Amino acid sequence: MTSRLSALAQRLGLGGADAHNVAQRSRTLSLPFEAPGAFASGIGWQSGAPLHRLIDLPRGALSGPVQEDKARIHAVLKRLVGSHRDEHPALDLRTLDGLCHRSLQDSTLATLDELTQSDNCRKVRIISYNDFTKVLGQALPGFQRKAALQLRRASWHGDRLFWDDDNHACEMACAVVYARRRGLEITLPAVIQCFELHAAVLDELDRGFHMLAMPARAWSDPAFMDLLLDTGMPYARFGLFNTETPESLLLPKDHPQSDAFGQGLREAGAADVIDYLRRASSTG
């Protein structure tokens, strides 16, 4: 309640630091700011930030002092990513070049060829065509009956097609690589779940909020926390679901103190997560 009353007072211009003072103080913060790493697009579906989870973003994923502010930010974040299904009557198995297997969540491998050379896949041996059909049958028991492939695609992964199954990753990888090397065309019907980052919603987020990547040390830094809390400004904290992605601080631009804080943090070195997402979607 105290935080809500403080935020209301700030919106009415009652007490607290003015925007100019906030901007000056934020520029002097000494924090180990780092930009998010290059957006990986490897063979693992979860390589890079798993943006597809924004579709089902729970309200509890954001923390902050005022429910109304969190709800406003949540409403935009939840619309950032859309999804639709594409059905293909015949898709060449050789076009598959990614896997959704949980063991590849932190993988740095760029190709299925690299996976087949790993220790995990050494147990899979394909020497003859019979070996190939046997191994492919382990991964896709219904492939000879033309059972549909279940696949995923995302704008931040470019044109990669990911097999949406959590079993037999090595068998599928070895079968696909063998088919490429031997020029074997295996066509199957496919259902592709397609995810895309909506540029218009990203622009809406940019117009309404600063979204800045914050180092973990910020949340225990006295100077930073004094600015964030003592002014009563609205804000929300949000993490993109994995340890490689810095937690974000979202600050409404329609509030003088929070807007000044966001501008000052950017001048101090905080990376703009919205720019990061925009680049990720355009270069995936």
C-alpha atoms as a PDB file:
ATOM      1  CA  MET A   1       0.000   0.000   0.000  1.00  0.00           C
ATOM      2  CA  THR A   2       2.859   2.356   0.810  1.00  0.00           C
ATOM      3  CA  SER A   3       4.390   1.745  -2.620  1.00  0.00           C
ATOM      4  CA  ARG A   4       1.057   2.354  -4.329  1.00  0.00           C
ATOM      5  CA  LEU A   5       0.503   5.629  -2.464  1.00  0.00           C
ATOM      6  CA  SER A   6       4.063   6.715  -3.229  1.00  0.00           C
ATOM      7  CA  ALA A   7       3.596   5.961  -6.912  1.00  0.00           C
ATOM      8  CA  LEU A   8       0.327   7.898  -6.945  1.00  0.00           C
ATOM      9  CA  ALA A   9       2.022  10.864  -5.271  1.00  0.00           C
ATOM     10  CA  GLN A  10       4.759  10.809  -7.887  1.00  0.00           C
ATOM     11  CA  ARG A  11       2.220  10.805 -10.721  1.00  0.00           C
ATOM     12  CA  LEU A  12       0.575  13.822  -9.124  1.00  0.00           C
ATOM     13  CA  GLY A  13       3.949  15.536  -8.750  1.00  0.00           C
ATOM     14  CA  LEU A  14       3.958  15.393  -4.954  1.00  0.00           C
ATOM     15  CA  GLY A  15       7.360  14.954  -3.305  1.00  0.00           C
ATOM     16  CA  GLY A  16      10.241  12.710  -4.287  1.00  0.00           C
ATOM     17  CA  ALA A  17      13.087  13.395  -6.632  1.00  0.00           C
ATOM     18  CA  ASP A  18      12.316  15.319  -9.785  1.00  0.00           C
ATOM     19  CA  ALA A  19      13.017  13.829 -13.201  1.00  0.00           C
ATOM     20  CA  HIS A  20      16.133  15.949 -13.758  1.00  0.00           C
ATOM     21  CA  ASN A  21      17.643  14.799 -10.477  1.00  0.00           C
ATOM     22  CA  VAL A  22      16.805  11.167 -11.246  1.00  0.00           C
ATOM     23  CA  ALA A  23      18.462  11.394 -14.661  1.00  0.00           C
ATOM     24  CA  GLN A  24      21.610  12.944 -13.164  1.00  0.00           C
ATOM     25  CA  ARG A  25      21.894  10.330 -10.422  1.00  0.00           C
ATOM     26  CA  SER A  26      21.270   7.404 -12.778  1.00  0.00           C
ATOM     27  CA  ARG A  27      24.050   8.523 -15.137  1.00  0.00           C
ATOM     28  CA  THR A  28      26.564   8.201 -12.302  1.00  0.00           C
ATOM     29  CA  LEU A  29      25.691   4.602 -11.423  1.00  0.00           C
ATOM     30  CA  SER A  30      28.645   2.236 -11.625  1.00  0.00           C
ATOM     31  CA  LEU A  31      27.289  -1.169 -12.589  1.00  0.00           C
ATOM     32  CA  PRO A  32      28.741  -3.982 -14.761  1.00  0.00           C
ATOM     33  CA  PHE A  33      26.317  -3.481 -17.642  1.00  0.00           C
ATOM     34  CA  GLU A  34      26.506  -6.072 -20.403  1.00  0.00           C
ATOM     35  CA  ALA A  35      24.540  -6.421 -23.597  1.00  0.00           C
ATOM     36  CA  PRO A  36      22.750  -9.730 -24.165  1.00  0.00           C
ATOM     37  CA  GLY A  37      24.934 -12.161 -26.066  1.00  0.00           C
ATOM     38  CA  ALA A  38      24.617 -12.726 -29.780  1.00  0.00           C
ATOM     39  CA  PHE A  39      21.302 -14.411 -30.491  1.00  0.00           C
ATOM     40  CA  ALA A  40      22.252 -18.028 -31.080  1.00  0.00           C
ATOM     41  CA  SER A  41      20.438 -20.103 -33.666  1.00  0.00           C
ATOM     42  CA  GLY A  42      21.825 -23.579 -33.216  1.00  0.00           C
ATOM     43  CA  ILE A  43      20.243 -26.989 -33.602  1.00  0.00           C
ATOM     44  CA  GLY A  44      18.559 -26.694 -30.195  1.00  0.00           C
ATOM     45  CA  TRP A  45      15.099 -25.115 -30.171  1.00  0.00           C
ATOM     46  CA  GLN A  46      15.933 -23.395 -26.895  1.00  0.00           C
ATOM     47  CA  SER A  47      19.181 -21.853 -28.168  1.00  0.00           C
ATOM     48  CA  GLY A  48      18.967 -18.152 -27.406  1.00  0.00           C
ATOM     49  CA  ALA A  49      16.091 -16.721 -25.395  1.00  0.00           C
ATOM     50  CA  PRO A  50      13.015 -19.023 -25.554  1.00  0.00           C
ATOM     51  CA  LEU A  51      10.702 -16.296 -26.802  1.00  0.00           C
ATOM     52  CA  HIS A  52       7.886 -18.732 -27.628  1.00  0.00           C
ATOM     53  CA  ARG A  53       7.088 -18.855 -23.900  1.00  0.00           C
ATOM     54  CA  LEU A  54       5.843 -15.271 -24.058  1.00  0.00           C
ATOM     55  CA  ILE A  55       2.597 -16.604 -25.538  1.00  0.00           C
ATOM     56  CA  ASP A  56       1.688 -18.212 -22.207  1.00  0.00           C
ATOM     57  CA  LEU A  57       3.422 -15.624 -20.027  1.00  0.00           C
ATOM     58  CA  PRO A  58       2.025 -15.921 -16.478  1.00  0.00           C
ATOM     59  CA  ARG A  59       1.268 -12.724 -14.580  1.00  0.00           C
ATOM     60  CA  GLY A  60       3.600 -13.884 -11.837  1.00  0.00           C
ATOM     61  CA  ALA A  61       6.551 -13.671 -14.227  1.00  0.00           C
ATOM     62  CA  LEU A  62       6.774  -9.934 -13.534  1.00  0.00           C
ATOM     63  CA  SER A  63       7.620  -8.418 -10.174  1.00  0.00           C
ATOM     64  CA  GLY A  64       7.114  -4.836  -9.091  1.00  0.00           C
ATOM     65  CA  PRO A  65       5.332  -2.642  -6.548  1.00  0.00           C
ATOM     66  CA  VAL A  66       2.072  -1.784  -8.346  1.00  0.00           C
ATOM     67  CA  GLN A  67      -0.277  -4.365  -9.848  1.00  0.00           C
ATOM     68  CA  GLU A  68      -1.715  -1.983 -12.435  1.00  0.00           C
ATOM     69  CA  ASP A  69       1.738  -1.219 -13.849  1.00  0.00           C
ATOM     70  CA  LYS A  70       2.649  -4.900 -14.043  1.00  0.00           C
ATOM     71  CA  ALA A  71      -0.675  -5.700 -15.707  1.00  0.00           C
ATOM     72  CA  ARG A  72      -0.101  -3.001 -18.340  1.00  0.00           C
ATOM     73  CA  ILE A  73       3.365  -4.333 -19.155  1.00  0.00           C
ATOM     74  CA  HIS A  74       2.183  -7.958 -19.091  1.00  0.00           C
ATOM     75  CA  ALA A  75      -0.554  -7.168 -21.629  1.00  0.00           C
ATOM     76  CA  VAL A  76       2.048  -5.983 -24.157  1.00  0.00           C
ATOM     77  CA  LEU A  77       4.644  -8.701 -23.524  1.00  0.00           C
ATOM     78  CA  LYS A  78       2.025 -11.426 -23.924  1.00  0.00           C
ATOM     79  CA  ARG A  79       1.229 -10.187 -27.435  1.00  0.00           C
ATOM     80  CA  LEU A  80       4.842  -9.970 -28.621  1.00  0.00           C
ATOM     81  CA  VAL A  81       4.882 -13.493 -30.040  1.00  0.00           C
ATOM     82  CA  GLY A  82       2.196 -15.108 -32.176  1.00  0.00           C
ATOM     83  CA  SER A  83       1.752 -18.635 -33.424  1.00  0.00           C
ATOM     84  CA  HIS A  84      -0.008 -20.452 -36.258  1.00  0.00           C
ATOM     85  CA  ARG A  85       0.049 -23.911 -37.844  1.00  0.00           C
ATOM     86  CA  ASP A  86       1.121 -24.726 -41.393  1.00  0.00           C
ATOM     87  CA  GLU A  87       0.297 -28.105 -42.930  1.00  0.00           C
ATOM     88  CA  HIS A  88       2.399 -29.534 -45.762  1.00  0.00           C
ATOM     89  CA  PRO A  89       1.343 -32.641 -47.697  1.00  0.00           C
ATOM     90  CA  ALA A  90       4.930 -33.580 -48.553  1.00  0.00           C
ATOM     91  CA  LEU A  91       8.102 -32.281 -46.928  1.00  0.00           C
ATOM     92  CA  ASP A  92      11.611 -33.580 -47.595  1.00  0.00           C
ATOM     93  CA  LEU A  93      13.126 -35.011 -44.420  1.00  0.00           C
ATOM     94  CA  ARG A  94      16.500 -33.535 -45.416  1.00  0.00           C
ATOM     95  CA  THR A  95      15.215 -30.000 -44.764  1.00  0.00           C
ATOM     96  CA  LEU A  96      15.032 -30.702 -41.032  1.00  0.00           C
ATOM     97  CA  ASP A  97      17.994 -29.050 -39.261  1.00  0.00           C
ATOM     98  CA  GLY A  98      17.016 -28.624 -35.616  1.00  0.00           C
ATOM     99  CA  LEU A  99      15.715 -30.594 -32.650  1.00  0.00           C
ATOM    100  CA  CYS A 100      13.536 -29.774 -29.634  1.00  0.00           C
ATOM    101  CA  HIS A 101      15.204 -32.386 -27.433  1.00  0.00           C
ATOM    102  CA  ARG A 102      15.769 -31.193 -23.854  1.00  0.00           C
ATOM    103  CA  SER A 103      19.397 -32.425 -23.908  1.00  0.00           C
ATOM    104  CA  LEU A 104      20.177 -29.698 -26.479  1.00  0.00           C
ATOM    105  CA  GLN A 105      18.898 -26.818 -24.353  1.00  0.00           C
ATOM    106  CA  ASP A 106      22.406 -25.488 -23.706  1.00  0.00           C
ATOM    107  CA  SER A 107      24.023 -26.899 -26.839  1.00  0.00           C
ATOM    108  CA  THR A 108      26.371 -24.735 -28.900  1.00  0.00           C
ATOM    109  CA  LEU A 109      26.269 -27.120 -31.882  1.00  0.00           C
ATOM    110  CA  ALA A 110      25.405 -25.394 -35.136  1.00  0.00           C
ATOM    111  CA  THR A 111      24.537 -28.386 -37.358  1.00  0.00           C
ATOM    112  CA  LEU A 112      23.130 -31.893 -37.178  1.00  0.00           C
ATOM    113  CA  ASP A 113      26.421 -33.109 -38.672  1.00  0.00           C
ATOM    114  CA  GLU A 114      28.219 -31.877 -35.556  1.00  0.00           C
ATOM    115  CA  LEU A 115      25.735 -33.708 -33.342  1.00  0.00           C
ATOM    116  CA  THR A 116      26.250 -36.995 -35.184  1.00  0.00           C
ATOM    117  CA  GLN A 117      29.987 -36.725 -34.456  1.00  0.00           C
ATOM    118  CA  SER A 118      29.416 -36.253 -30.718  1.00  0.00           C
ATOM    119  CA  ASP A 119      29.914 -38.971 -28.116  1.00  0.00           C
ATOM    120  CA  ASN A 120      26.172 -39.200 -27.520  1.00  0.00           C
ATOM    121  CA  CYS A 121      25.534 -40.328 -31.089  1.00  0.00           C
ATOM    122  CA  ARG A 122      28.417 -42.779 -31.543  1.00  0.00           C
ATOM    123  CA  LYS A 123      26.125 -45.676 -30.668  1.00  0.00           C
ATOM    124  CA  VAL A 124      24.061 -45.019 -33.822  1.00  0.00           C
ATOM    125  CA  ARG A 125      25.639 -46.641 -36.876  1.00  0.00           C
ATOM    126  CA  ILE A 126      24.245 -46.337 -40.399  1.00  0.00           C
ATOM    127  CA  ILE A 127      26.239 -48.158 -43.051  1.00  0.00           C
ATOM    128  CA  SER A 128      23.568 -49.522 -45.375  1.00  0.00           C
ATOM    129  CA  TYR A 129      20.096 -48.514 -46.528  1.00  0.00           C
ATOM    130  CA  ASN A 130      18.649 -51.168 -44.229  1.00  0.00           C
ATOM    131  CA  ASP A 131      20.462 -49.529 -41.307  1.00  0.00           C
ATOM    132  CA  PHE A 132      19.005 -46.210 -42.397  1.00  0.00           C
ATOM    133  CA  THR A 133      15.393 -47.431 -42.440  1.00  0.00           C
ATOM    134  CA  LYS A 134      15.878 -49.190 -39.106  1.00  0.00           C
ATOM    135  CA  VAL A 135      17.290 -46.081 -37.412  1.00  0.00           C
ATOM    136  CA  LEU A 136      14.689 -43.789 -38.975  1.00  0.00           C
ATOM    137  CA  GLY A 137      12.000 -46.225 -37.846  1.00  0.00           C
ATOM    138  CA  GLN A 138      13.227 -45.861 -34.270  1.00  0.00           C
ATOM    139  CA  ALA A 139      12.859 -42.100 -34.456  1.00  0.00           C
ATOM    140  CA  LEU A 140       9.682 -42.157 -36.567  1.00  0.00           C
ATOM    141  CA  PRO A 141       7.858 -45.458 -36.023  1.00  0.00           C
ATOM    142  CA  GLY A 142       5.156 -44.462 -38.503  1.00  0.00           C
ATOM    143  CA  PHE A 143       7.301 -43.071 -41.298  1.00  0.00           C
ATOM    144  CA  GLN A 144       6.575 -45.968 -43.686  1.00  0.00           C
ATOM    145  CA  ARG A 145       2.849 -45.305 -43.192  1.00  0.00           C
ATOM    146  CA  LYS A 146       3.485 -41.621 -43.943  1.00  0.00           C
ATOM    147  CA  ALA A 147       2.782 -40.442 -40.410  1.00  0.00           C
ATOM    148  CA  ALA A 148       2.995 -36.643 -40.204  1.00  0.00           C
ATOM    149  CA  LEU A 149       6.133 -34.962 -38.921  1.00  0.00           C
ATOM    150  CA  GLN A 150       5.540 -32.575 -36.030  1.00  0.00           C
ATOM    151  CA  LEU A 151       7.840 -29.569 -36.502  1.00  0.00           C
ATOM    152  CA  ARG A 152       8.482 -26.057 -35.214  1.00  0.00           C
ATOM    153  CA  ARG A 153       9.770 -22.880 -36.815  1.00  0.00           C
ATOM    154  CA  ALA A 154      10.429 -19.408 -35.357  1.00  0.00           C
ATOM    155  CA  SER A 155      11.283 -16.042 -36.894  1.00  0.00           C
ATOM    156  CA  TRP A 156      14.261 -15.698 -34.528  1.00  0.00           C
ATOM    157  CA  HIS A 157      15.652 -18.997 -35.834  1.00  0.00           C
ATOM    158  CA  GLY A 158      15.444 -17.997 -39.485  1.00  0.00           C
ATOM    159  CA  ASP A 159      14.440 -20.865 -41.795  1.00  0.00           C
ATOM    160  CA  ARG A 160      15.424 -23.699 -39.454  1.00  0.00           C
ATOM    161  CA  LEU A 161      12.929 -26.527 -39.050  1.00  0.00           C
ATOM    162  CA  PHE A 162      12.962 -28.233 -35.640  1.00  0.00           C
ATOM    163  CA  TRP A 163      11.648 -31.734 -35.015  1.00  0.00           C
ATOM    164  CA  ASP A 164       9.129 -31.407 -32.183  1.00  0.00           C
ATOM    165  CA  ASP A 165       9.892 -34.582 -30.248  1.00  0.00           C
ATOM    166  CA  ASP A 166      11.828 -35.295 -27.073  1.00  0.00           C
ATOM    167  CA  ASN A 167      12.970 -38.813 -28.012  1.00  0.00           C
ATOM    168  CA  HIS A 168      15.624 -40.358 -30.251  1.00  0.00           C
ATOM    169  CA  ALA A 169      17.452 -37.129 -31.073  1.00  0.00           C
ATOM    170  CA  CYS A 170      20.598 -38.955 -32.196  1.00  0.00           C
ATOM    171  CA  GLU A 171      18.688 -41.427 -34.361  1.00  0.00           C
ATOM    172  CA  MET A 172      16.853 -38.634 -36.147  1.00  0.00           C
ATOM    173  CA  ALA A 173      20.019 -36.571 -36.624  1.00  0.00           C
ATOM    174  CA  CYS A 174      21.959 -39.531 -38.013  1.00  0.00           C
ATOM    175  CA  ALA A 175      19.119 -40.487 -40.364  1.00  0.00           C
ATOM    176  CA  VAL A 176      18.814 -36.933 -41.727  1.00  0.00           C
ATOM    177  CA  VAL A 177      22.577 -36.585 -42.240  1.00  0.00           C
ATOM    178  CA  TYR A 178      22.770 -39.991 -43.969  1.00  0.00           C
ATOM    179  CA  ALA A 179      19.854 -39.064 -46.263  1.00  0.00           C
ATOM    180  CA  ARG A 180      21.648 -35.854 -47.252  1.00  0.00           C
ATOM    181  CA  ARG A 181      24.931 -37.605 -47.964  1.00  0.00           C
ATOM    182  CA  ARG A 182      23.302 -40.378 -50.005  1.00  0.00           C
ATOM    183  CA  GLY A 183      20.792 -38.173 -51.781  1.00  0.00           C
ATOM    184  CA  LEU A 184      17.823 -40.071 -50.361  1.00  0.00           C
ATOM    185  CA  GLU A 185      14.526 -38.249 -50.749  1.00  0.00           C
ATOM    186  CA  ILE A 186      12.095 -39.185 -47.981  1.00  0.00           C
ATOM    187  CA  THR A 187       8.941 -37.051 -48.164  1.00  0.00           C
ATOM    188  CA  LEU A 188       6.397 -37.038 -45.370  1.00  0.00           C
ATOM    189  CA  PRO A 189       3.401 -34.885 -44.495  1.00  0.00           C
ATOM    190  CA  ALA A 190       4.253 -32.292 -41.887  1.00  0.00           C
ATOM    191  CA  VAL A 191       2.534 -30.006 -39.418  1.00  0.00           C
ATOM    192  CA  ILE A 192       4.669 -26.958 -38.580  1.00  0.00           C
ATOM    193  CA  GLN A 193       3.952 -24.794 -35.546  1.00  0.00           C
ATOM    194  CA  CYS A 194       5.241 -21.370 -36.586  1.00  0.00           C
ATOM    195  CA  PHE A 195       6.175 -18.658 -34.095  1.00  0.00           C
ATOM    196  CA  GLU A 196       6.820 -15.037 -35.023  1.00  0.00           C
ATOM    197  CA  LEU A 197       7.812 -11.914 -33.127  1.00  0.00           C
ATOM    198  CA  HIS A 198       5.297  -9.176 -33.964  1.00  0.00           C
ATOM    199  CA  ALA A 199       7.149  -6.049 -35.066  1.00  0.00           C
ATOM    200  CA  ALA A 200       4.107  -3.816 -34.467  1.00  0.00           C
ATOM    201  CA  VAL A 201       3.794  -4.966 -30.846  1.00  0.00           C
ATOM    202  CA  LEU A 202       7.533  -4.541 -30.371  1.00  0.00           C
ATOM    203  CA  ASP A 203       7.138  -0.948 -31.591  1.00  0.00           C
ATOM    204  CA  GLU A 204       4.243  -0.504 -29.151  1.00  0.00           C
ATOM    205  CA  LEU A 205       6.452  -1.755 -26.323  1.00  0.00           C
ATOM    206  CA  ASP A 206       9.187   0.645 -27.403  1.00  0.00           C
ATOM    207  CA  ARG A 207       6.803   3.613 -27.436  1.00  0.00           C
ATOM    208  CA  GLY A 208       5.515   2.854 -23.968  1.00  0.00           C
ATOM    209  CA  PHE A 209       8.480   1.518 -22.004  1.00  0.00           C
ATOM    210  CA  HIS A 210      12.210   1.340 -21.534  1.00  0.00           C
ATOM    211  CA  MET A 211      13.239  -2.332 -21.393  1.00  0.00           C
ATOM    212  CA  LEU A 212      16.821  -2.522 -20.182  1.00  0.00           C
ATOM    213  CA  ALA A 213      19.137  -5.443 -19.455  1.00  0.00           C
ATOM    214  CA  MET A 214      20.275  -5.253 -15.836  1.00  0.00           C
ATOM    215  CA  PRO A 215      23.220  -7.084 -14.242  1.00  0.00           C
ATOM    216  CA  ALA A 216      22.425  -9.256 -11.230  1.00  0.00           C
ATOM    217  CA  ARG A 217      24.484  -6.963  -9.014  1.00  0.00           C
ATOM    218  CA  ALA A 218      22.070  -4.073  -9.609  1.00  0.00           C
ATOM    219  CA  TRP A 219      19.451  -5.518  -7.276  1.00  0.00           C
ATOM    220  CA  SER A 220      21.838  -5.312  -4.319  1.00  0.00           C
ATOM    221  CA  ASP A 221      23.466  -1.996  -5.280  1.00  0.00           C
ATOM    222  CA  PRO A 222      22.401   0.689  -2.757  1.00  0.00           C
ATOM    223  CA  ALA A 223      22.598   3.622  -5.169  1.00  0.00           C
ATOM    224  CA  PHE A 224      20.532   1.824  -7.811  1.00  0.00           C
ATOM    225  CA  MET A 225      17.924   0.535  -5.356  1.00  0.00           C
ATOM    226  CA  ASP A 226      17.593   3.955  -3.707  1.00  0.00           C
ATOM    227  CA  LEU A 227      16.742   5.481  -7.060  1.00  0.00           C
ATOM    228  CA  LEU A 228      14.336   2.707  -7.932  1.00  0.00           C
ATOM    229  CA  LEU A 229      12.468   2.574  -4.619  1.00  0.00           C
ATOM    230  CA  ASP A 230      12.760   5.948  -2.901  1.00  0.00           C
ATOM    231  CA  THR A 231      11.186   7.857  -5.782  1.00  0.00           C
ATOM    232  CA  GLY A 232       8.145   5.557  -5.869  1.00  0.00           C
ATOM    233  CA  MET A 233       8.419   5.293  -9.633  1.00  0.00           C
ATOM    234  CA  PRO A 234       6.538   2.482 -11.443  1.00  0.00           C
ATOM    235  CA  TYR A 235       8.628  -0.396 -12.743  1.00  0.00           C
ATOM    236  CA  ALA A 236       8.601  -4.139 -13.373  1.00  0.00           C
ATOM    237  CA  ARG A 237      11.316  -6.785 -13.350  1.00  0.00           C
ATOM    238  CA  PHE A 238      11.229  -9.575 -15.906  1.00  0.00           C
ATOM    239  CA  GLY A 239      13.512 -12.455 -16.844  1.00  0.00           C
ATOM    240  CA  LEU A 240      13.423 -14.207 -20.229  1.00  0.00           C
ATOM    241  CA  PHE A 241      13.417 -17.657 -18.668  1.00  0.00           C
ATOM    242  CA  ASN A 242      17.057 -18.646 -18.856  1.00  0.00           C
ATOM    243  CA  THR A 243      20.284 -17.781 -17.092  1.00  0.00           C
ATOM    244  CA  GLU A 244      22.028 -16.535 -20.251  1.00  0.00           C
ATOM    245  CA  THR A 245      19.579 -13.660 -20.669  1.00  0.00           C
ATOM    246  CA  PRO A 246      19.978 -10.757 -18.202  1.00  0.00           C
ATOM    247  CA  GLU A 247      16.924  -9.798 -16.192  1.00  0.00           C
ATOM    248  CA  SER A 248      15.120  -6.801 -17.656  1.00  0.00           C
ATOM    249  CA  LEU A 249      13.914  -3.646 -15.964  1.00  0.00           C
ATOM    250  CA  LEU A 250      10.797  -2.163 -17.577  1.00  0.00           C
ATOM    251  CA  LEU A 251      10.086   1.528 -16.941  1.00  0.00           C
ATOM    252  CA  PRO A 252       6.985   3.355 -18.263  1.00  0.00           C
ATOM    253  CA  LYS A 253       7.870   6.329 -20.442  1.00  0.00           C
ATOM    254  CA  ASP A 254       4.692   8.191 -19.504  1.00  0.00           C
ATOM    255  CA  HIS A 255       5.945   8.675 -15.940  1.00  0.00           C
ATOM    256  CA  PRO A 256       8.525  11.499 -15.579  1.00  0.00           C
ATOM    257  CA  GLN A 257      10.793   9.808 -13.011  1.00  0.00           C
ATOM    258  CA  SER A 258      10.762   6.360 -14.609  1.00  0.00           C
ATOM    259  CA  ASP A 259      11.346   7.821 -18.067  1.00  0.00           C
ATOM    260  CA  ALA A 260      14.274   9.876 -16.752  1.00  0.00           C
ATOM    261  CA  PHE A 261      15.627   6.808 -14.962  1.00  0.00           C
ATOM    262  CA  GLY A 262      15.455   4.772 -18.162  1.00  0.00           C
ATOM    263  CA  GLN A 263      17.228   7.451 -20.182  1.00  0.00           C
ATOM    264  CA  GLY A 264      19.898   7.828 -17.519  1.00  0.00           C
ATOM    265  CA  LEU A 265      20.477   4.062 -17.319  1.00  0.00           C
ATOM    266  CA  ARG A 266      20.947   3.903 -21.086  1.00  0.00           C
ATOM    267  CA  GLU A 267      23.523   6.685 -20.913  1.00  0.00           C
ATOM    268  CA  ALA A 268      25.243   4.778 -18.092  1.00  0.00           C
ATOM    269  CA  GLY A 269      25.553   1.703 -20.336  1.00  0.00           C
ATOM    270  CA  ALA A 270      22.395  -0.385 -19.899  1.00  0.00           C
ATOM    271  CA  ALA A 271      21.545  -2.325 -23.069  1.00  0.00           C
ATOM    272  CA  ASP A 272      18.188  -1.861 -24.782  1.00  0.00           C
ATOM    273  CA  VAL A 273      16.462  -5.272 -24.816  1.00  0.00           C
ATOM    274  CA  ILE A 274      13.907  -4.070 -27.378  1.00  0.00           C
ATOM    275  CA  ASP A 275      16.697  -3.384 -29.885  1.00  0.00           C
ATOM    276  CA  TYR A 276      18.115  -6.825 -29.081  1.00  0.00           C
ATOM    277  CA  LEU A 277      14.765  -8.492 -29.832  1.00  0.00           C
ATOM    278  CA  ARG A 278      14.332  -6.501 -33.017  1.00  0.00           C
ATOM    279  CA  ARG A 279      17.756  -7.552 -34.290  1.00  0.00           C
ATOM    280  CA  ALA A 280      17.169 -11.151 -33.227  1.00  0.00           C
ATOM    281  CA  SER A 281      13.980 -11.412 -35.249  1.00  0.00           C
ATOM    282  CA  SER A 282      15.438  -9.776 -38.362  1.00  0.00           C
ATOM    283  CA  THR A 283      18.679 -11.776 -38.423  1.00  0.00           C
ATOM    284  CA  GLY A 284      17.526 -15.142 -37.081  1.00  0.00           C
END
